[in-house]
Amino acid sequence: MRHRILAAAGLGALLLGAGMAQAHHGWGSYDSTRTLTIDGVIQKASYENPHGMIEIKAGEDVWEVVLAPPSRMQNRGLPATALAIGKTVTVVGYQHRTNKAELRAERIIVAGTTTELR
Protein backbone atom coordinates (compact mmCIF):
# COMPACT_ATOMS: atom_id res chain seq x y z
CA MET A 1 0.00 0.00 0.00
CA ARG A 2 2.79 2.40 0.93
CA HIS A 3 4.55 1.76 -2.39
CA ARG A 4 1.38 2.65 -4.31
CA ILE A 5 1.03 5.92 -2.43
CA LEU A 6 4.66 6.84 -3.11
CA ALA A 7 4.30 5.87 -6.78
CA ALA A 8 1.13 7.95 -7.13
CA ALA A 9 2.79 10.94 -5.45
CA GLY A 10 5.82 10.62 -7.72
CA LEU A 11 3.66 10.39 -10.83
CA GLY A 12 1.65 13.42 -9.72
CA ALA A 13 4.81 15.47 -9.21
CA LEU A 14 6.13 14.41 -12.61
CA LEU A 15 2.89 15.37 -14.38
CA LEU A 16 2.69 18.70 -12.56
CA GLY A 17 6.26 19.56 -13.52
CA ALA A 18 5.68 18.62 -17.15
CA GLY A 19 2.54 20.75 -17.31
CA MET A 20 4.29 23.76 -15.82
CA ALA A 21 7.22 23.40 -18.21
CA GLN A 22 4.91 23.19 -21.20
CA ALA A 23 2.91 26.25 -20.06
CA HIS A 24 6.00 28.47 -19.82
CA HIS A 25 7.52 30.07 -22.91
CA GLY A 26 11.04 28.93 -23.66
CA TRP A 27 13.12 32.04 -24.35
CA GLY A 28 15.05 30.09 -27.01
CA SER A 29 11.86 30.25 -29.11
CA TYR A 30 12.50 33.95 -29.76
CA ASP A 31 14.87 35.35 -32.39
CA SER A 32 17.32 37.35 -30.26
CA THR A 33 19.39 38.27 -33.34
CA ARG A 34 16.85 40.86 -34.47
CA THR A 35 15.24 43.48 -32.25
CA LEU A 36 11.81 44.82 -33.21
CA THR A 37 10.23 48.07 -32.06
CA ILE A 38 6.44 48.21 -32.26
CA ASP A 39 4.10 51.10 -31.45
CA GLY A 40 0.52 50.14 -30.74
CA VAL A 41 -2.60 50.51 -28.67
CA ILE A 42 -3.34 48.06 -25.84
CA GLN A 43 -6.37 45.89 -26.65
CA LYS A 44 -6.02 43.39 -23.76
CA ALA A 45 -3.80 43.23 -20.68
CA SER A 46 -2.91 40.65 -18.03
CA TYR A 47 -0.78 41.43 -14.98
CA GLU A 48 -0.55 37.88 -13.65
CA ASN A 49 2.12 35.23 -13.02
CA PRO A 50 4.16 33.75 -14.51
CA HIS A 51 4.44 36.92 -16.62
CA GLY A 52 2.29 39.78 -17.78
CA MET A 53 0.89 39.90 -21.29
CA ILE A 54 -0.59 42.58 -23.48
CA GLU A 55 -2.21 42.46 -26.88
CA ILE A 56 -1.55 45.53 -28.96
CA LYS A 57 -2.90 46.69 -32.30
CA ALA A 58 -0.23 48.24 -34.51
CA GLY A 59 -1.74 49.35 -37.79
CA GLU A 60 -3.51 46.30 -39.20
CA ASP A 61 -1.43 43.87 -37.10
CA VAL A 62 -2.27 42.51 -33.66
CA TRP A 63 0.67 41.44 -31.47
CA GLU A 64 0.71 39.30 -28.33
CA VAL A 65 3.47 40.73 -26.16
CA VAL A 66 5.02 38.69 -23.35
CA LEU A 67 6.13 40.93 -20.47
CA ALA A 68 8.05 40.32 -17.24
CA PRO A 69 6.62 38.80 -14.05
CA PRO A 70 4.32 41.25 -12.21
CA SER A 71 6.70 41.57 -9.24
CA ARG A 72 9.54 42.68 -11.52
CA MET A 73 7.33 45.17 -13.37
CA GLN A 74 6.06 46.58 -10.07
CA ASN A 75 9.59 46.85 -8.65
CA ARG A 76 10.76 48.68 -11.78
CA GLY A 77 7.93 51.20 -11.70
CA LEU A 78 5.35 49.70 -14.07
CA PRO A 79 2.12 49.15 -12.12
CA ALA A 80 -0.85 47.28 -13.56
CA THR A 81 -2.70 50.58 -14.06
CA ALA A 82 -0.06 51.64 -16.63
CA LEU A 83 -1.23 48.83 -18.93
CA ALA A 84 -4.78 50.12 -19.36
CA ILE A 85 -6.75 49.23 -22.45
CA GLY A 86 -6.59 52.07 -24.97
CA LYS A 87 -3.13 53.33 -23.95
CA THR A 88 -0.49 53.72 -26.63
CA VAL A 89 2.75 51.87 -25.91
CA THR A 90 6.07 51.17 -27.58
CA VAL A 91 7.58 47.74 -27.03
CA VAL A 92 11.08 46.64 -27.95
CA GLY A 93 11.84 42.96 -28.06
CA TYR A 94 12.27 39.72 -29.95
CA GLN A 95 9.81 38.05 -32.30
CA HIS A 96 8.81 34.44 -31.73
CA ARG A 97 10.39 32.12 -34.32
CA THR A 98 7.17 30.28 -35.24
CA ASN A 99 4.36 32.51 -33.94
CA LYS A 100 5.19 35.66 -35.91
CA ALA A 101 2.51 37.66 -34.05
CA GLU A 102 4.21 37.17 -30.65
CA LEU A 103 6.94 39.34 -29.18
CA ARG A 104 9.01 38.90 -26.01
CA ALA A 105 9.42 42.44 -24.68
CA GLU A 106 12.78 43.62 -23.37
CA ARG A 107 11.45 47.08 -22.59
CA ILE A 108 8.18 48.95 -22.74
CA ILE A 109 7.52 52.68 -23.01
CA VAL A 110 4.25 53.97 -21.59
CA ALA A 111 3.44 57.70 -21.35
CA GLY A 112 7.08 58.60 -21.97
CA THR A 113 8.43 56.31 -19.23
CA THR A 114 10.72 53.44 -20.21
CA THR A 115 10.71 50.26 -18.12
CA GLU A 116 13.41 47.62 -18.62
CA LEU A 117 11.75 44.22 -18.31
CA ARG A 118 14.68 41.78 -18.46
C-alpha atoms as a PDB file:
ATOM      1  CA  MET A   1       0.000   0.000   0.000  1.00  0.00           C
ATOM      2  CA  ARG A   2       2.791   2.398   0.932  1.00  0.00           C
ATOM      3  CA  HIS A   3       4.555   1.762  -2.391  1.00  0.00           C
ATOM      4  CA  ARG A   4       1.382   2.647  -4.309  1.00  0.00           C
ATOM      5  CA  ILE A   5       1.027   5.921  -2.427  1.00  0.00           C
ATOM      6  CA  LEU A   6       4.657   6.841  -3.109  1.00  0.00           C
ATOM      7  CA  ALA A   7       4.305   5.870  -6.782  1.00  0.00           C
ATOM      8  CA  ALA A   8       1.133   7.953  -7.134  1.00  0.00           C
ATOM      9  CA  ALA A   9       2.795  10.940  -5.451  1.00  0.00           C
ATOM     10  CA  GLY A  10       5.825  10.618  -7.720  1.00  0.00           C
ATOM     11  CA  LEU A  11       3.663  10.391 -10.833  1.00  0.00           C
ATOM     12  CA  GLY A  12       1.653  13.415  -9.715  1.00  0.00           C
ATOM     13  CA  ALA A  13       4.806  15.474  -9.206  1.00  0.00           C
ATOM     14  CA  LEU A  14       6.128  14.412 -12.609  1.00  0.00           C
ATOM     15  CA  LEU A  15       2.892  15.372 -14.382  1.00  0.00           C
ATOM     16  CA  LEU A  16       2.691  18.703 -12.555  1.00  0.00           C
ATOM     17  CA  GLY A  17       6.263  19.563 -13.521  1.00  0.00           C
ATOM     18  CA  ALA A  18       5.677  18.616 -17.148  1.00  0.00           C
ATOM     19  CA  GLY A  19       2.543  20.753 -17.306  1.00  0.00           C
ATOM     20  CA  MET A  20       4.292  23.755 -15.822  1.00  0.00           C
ATOM     21  CA  ALA A  21       7.224  23.400 -18.209  1.00  0.00           C
ATOM     22  CA  GLN A  22       4.907  23.191 -21.203  1.00  0.00           C
ATOM     23  CA  ALA A  23       2.912  26.247 -20.057  1.00  0.00           C
ATOM     24  CA  HIS A  24       5.996  28.471 -19.821  1.00  0.00           C
ATOM     25  CA  HIS A  25       7.524  30.070 -22.908  1.00  0.00           C
ATOM     26  CA  GLY A  26      11.038  28.935 -23.662  1.00  0.00           C
ATOM     27  CA  TRP A  27      13.120  32.040 -24.352  1.00  0.00           C
ATOM     28  CA  GLY A  28      15.046  30.092 -27.011  1.00  0.00           C
ATOM     29  CA  SER A  29      11.864  30.252 -29.113  1.00  0.00           C
ATOM     30  CA  TYR A  30      12.498  33.949 -29.757  1.00  0.00           C
ATOM     31  CA  ASP A  31      14.871  35.347 -32.388  1.00  0.00           C
ATOM     32  CA  SER A  32      17.323  37.350 -30.261  1.00  0.00           C
ATOM     33  CA  THR A  33      19.395  38.270 -33.339  1.00  0.00           C
ATOM     34  CA  ARG A  34      16.850  40.856 -34.465  1.00  0.00           C
ATOM     35  CA  THR A  35      15.240  43.484 -32.253  1.00  0.00           C
ATOM     36  CA  LEU A  36      11.813  44.818 -33.214  1.00  0.00           C
ATOM     37  CA  THR A  37      10.228  48.075 -32.063  1.00  0.00           C
ATOM     38  CA  ILE A  38       6.443  48.213 -32.260  1.00  0.00           C
ATOM     39  CA  ASP A  39       4.099  51.102 -31.454  1.00  0.00           C
ATOM     40  CA  GLY A  40       0.523  50.141 -30.744  1.00  0.00           C
ATOM     41  CA  VAL A  41      -2.604  50.509 -28.667  1.00  0.00           C
ATOM     42  CA  ILE A  42      -3.343  48.064 -25.841  1.00  0.00           C
ATOM     43  CA  GLN A  43      -6.373  45.894 -26.650  1.00  0.00           C
ATOM     44  CA  LYS A  44      -6.018  43.391 -23.759  1.00  0.00           C
ATOM     45  CA  ALA A  45      -3.801  43.227 -20.681  1.00  0.00           C
ATOM     46  CA  SER A  46      -2.913  40.653 -18.029  1.00  0.00           C
ATOM     47  CA  TYR A  47      -0.783  41.433 -14.983  1.00  0.00           C
ATOM     48  CA  GLU A  48      -0.551  37.877 -13.646  1.00  0.00           C
ATOM     49  CA  ASN A  49       2.123  35.230 -13.017  1.00  0.00           C
ATOM     50  CA  PRO A  50       4.162  33.746 -14.514  1.00  0.00           C
ATOM     51  CA  HIS A  51       4.439  36.915 -16.617  1.00  0.00           C
ATOM     52  CA  GLY A  52       2.286  39.784 -17.784  1.00  0.00           C
ATOM     53  CA  MET A  53       0.890  39.895 -21.294  1.00  0.00           C
ATOM     54  CA  ILE A  54      -0.586  42.582 -23.479  1.00  0.00           C
ATOM     55  CA  GLU A  55      -2.206  42.456 -26.877  1.00  0.00           C
ATOM     56  CA  ILE A  56      -1.546  45.529 -28.960  1.00  0.00           C
ATOM     57  CA  LYS A  57      -2.898  46.692 -32.297  1.00  0.00           C
ATOM     58  CA  ALA A  58      -0.230  48.243 -34.508  1.00  0.00           C
ATOM     59  CA  GLY A  59      -1.740  49.352 -37.790  1.00  0.00           C
ATOM     60  CA  GLU A  60      -3.508  46.297 -39.196  1.00  0.00           C
ATOM     61  CA  ASP A  61      -1.433  43.871 -37.098  1.00  0.00           C
ATOM     62  CA  VAL A  62      -2.272  42.510 -33.656  1.00  0.00           C
ATOM     63  CA  TRP A  63       0.665  41.435 -31.468  1.00  0.00           C
ATOM     64  CA  GLU A  64       0.706  39.303 -28.331  1.00  0.00           C
ATOM     65  CA  VAL A  65       3.473  40.733 -26.156  1.00  0.00           C
ATOM     66  CA  VAL A  66       5.023  38.687 -23.350  1.00  0.00           C
ATOM     67  CA  LEU A  67       6.127  40.933 -20.475  1.00  0.00           C
ATOM     68  CA  ALA A  68       8.049  40.321 -17.239  1.00  0.00           C
ATOM     69  CA  PRO A  69       6.616  38.801 -14.054  1.00  0.00           C
ATOM     70  CA  PRO A  70       4.323  41.245 -12.210  1.00  0.00           C
ATOM     71  CA  SER A  71       6.704  41.571  -9.236  1.00  0.00           C
ATOM     72  CA  ARG A  72       9.539  42.683 -11.523  1.00  0.00           C
ATOM     73  CA  MET A  73       7.330  45.166 -13.368  1.00  0.00           C
ATOM     74  CA  GLN A  74       6.059  46.584 -10.074  1.00  0.00           C
ATOM     75  CA  ASN A  75       9.593  46.852  -8.654  1.00  0.00           C
ATOM     76  CA  ARG A  76      10.762  48.679 -11.776  1.00  0.00           C
ATOM     77  CA  GLY A  77       7.934  51.198 -11.695  1.00  0.00           C
ATOM     78  CA  LEU A  78       5.348  49.699 -14.070  1.00  0.00           C
ATOM     79  CA  PRO A  79       2.116  49.154 -12.124  1.00  0.00           C
ATOM     80  CA  ALA A  80      -0.853  47.279 -13.562  1.00  0.00           C
ATOM     81  CA  THR A  81      -2.700  50.582 -14.065  1.00  0.00           C
ATOM     82  CA  ALA A  82      -0.058  51.639 -16.629  1.00  0.00           C
ATOM     83  CA  LEU A  83      -1.230  48.827 -18.927  1.00  0.00           C
ATOM     84  CA  ALA A  84      -4.776  50.119 -19.357  1.00  0.00           C
ATOM     85  CA  ILE A  85      -6.745  49.227 -22.453  1.00  0.00           C
ATOM     86  CA  GLY A  86      -6.586  52.069 -24.971  1.00  0.00           C
ATOM     87  CA  LYS A  87      -3.132  53.332 -23.947  1.00  0.00           C
ATOM     88  CA  THR A  88      -0.492  53.724 -26.626  1.00  0.00           C
ATOM     89  CA  VAL A  89       2.753  51.866 -25.915  1.00  0.00           C
ATOM     90  CA  THR A  90       6.069  51.167 -27.578  1.00  0.00           C
ATOM     91  CA  VAL A  91       7.577  47.735 -27.032  1.00  0.00           C
ATOM     92  CA  VAL A  92      11.081  46.644 -27.946  1.00  0.00           C
ATOM     93  CA  GLY A  93      11.841  42.956 -28.060  1.00  0.00           C
ATOM     94  CA  TYR A  94      12.269  39.721 -29.951  1.00  0.00           C
ATOM     95  CA  GLN A  95       9.806  38.051 -32.298  1.00  0.00           C
ATOM     96  CA  HIS A  96       8.807  34.437 -31.730  1.00  0.00           C
ATOM     97  CA  ARG A  97      10.386  32.122 -34.317  1.00  0.00           C
ATOM     98  CA  THR A  98       7.173  30.280 -35.238  1.00  0.00           C
ATOM     99  CA  ASN A  99       4.356  32.512 -33.940  1.00  0.00           C
ATOM    100  CA  LYS A 100       5.187  35.656 -35.911  1.00  0.00           C
ATOM    101  CA  ALA A 101       2.507  37.657 -34.051  1.00  0.00           C
ATOM    102  CA  GLU A 102       4.213  37.174 -30.654  1.00  0.00           C
ATOM    103  CA  LEU A 103       6.942  39.341 -29.176  1.00  0.00           C
ATOM    104  CA  ARG A 104       9.009  38.895 -26.006  1.00  0.00           C
ATOM    105  CA  ALA A 105       9.422  42.437 -24.679  1.00  0.00           C
ATOM    106  CA  GLU A 106      12.778  43.617 -23.373  1.00  0.00           C
ATOM    107  CA  ARG A 107      11.448  47.080 -22.592  1.00  0.00           C
ATOM    108  CA  ILE A 108       8.177  48.954 -22.739  1.00  0.00           C
ATOM    109  CA  ILE A 109       7.525  52.675 -23.008  1.00  0.00           C
ATOM    110  CA  VAL A 110       4.252  53.966 -21.593  1.00  0.00           C
ATOM    111  CA  ALA A 111       3.443  57.696 -21.348  1.00  0.00           C
ATOM    112  CA  GLY A 112       7.084  58.599 -21.973  1.00  0.00           C
ATOM    113  CA  THR A 113       8.432  56.309 -19.226  1.00  0.00           C
ATOM    114  CA  THR A 114      10.723  53.437 -20.209  1.00  0.00           C
ATOM    115  CA  THR A 115      10.712  50.256 -18.116  1.00  0.00           C
ATOM    116  CA  GLU A 116      13.412  47.618 -18.625  1.00  0.00           C
ATOM    117  CA  LEU A 117      11.754  44.224 -18.307  1.00  0.00           C
ATOM    118  CA  ARG A 118      14.676  41.781 -18.460  1.00  0.00           C
END
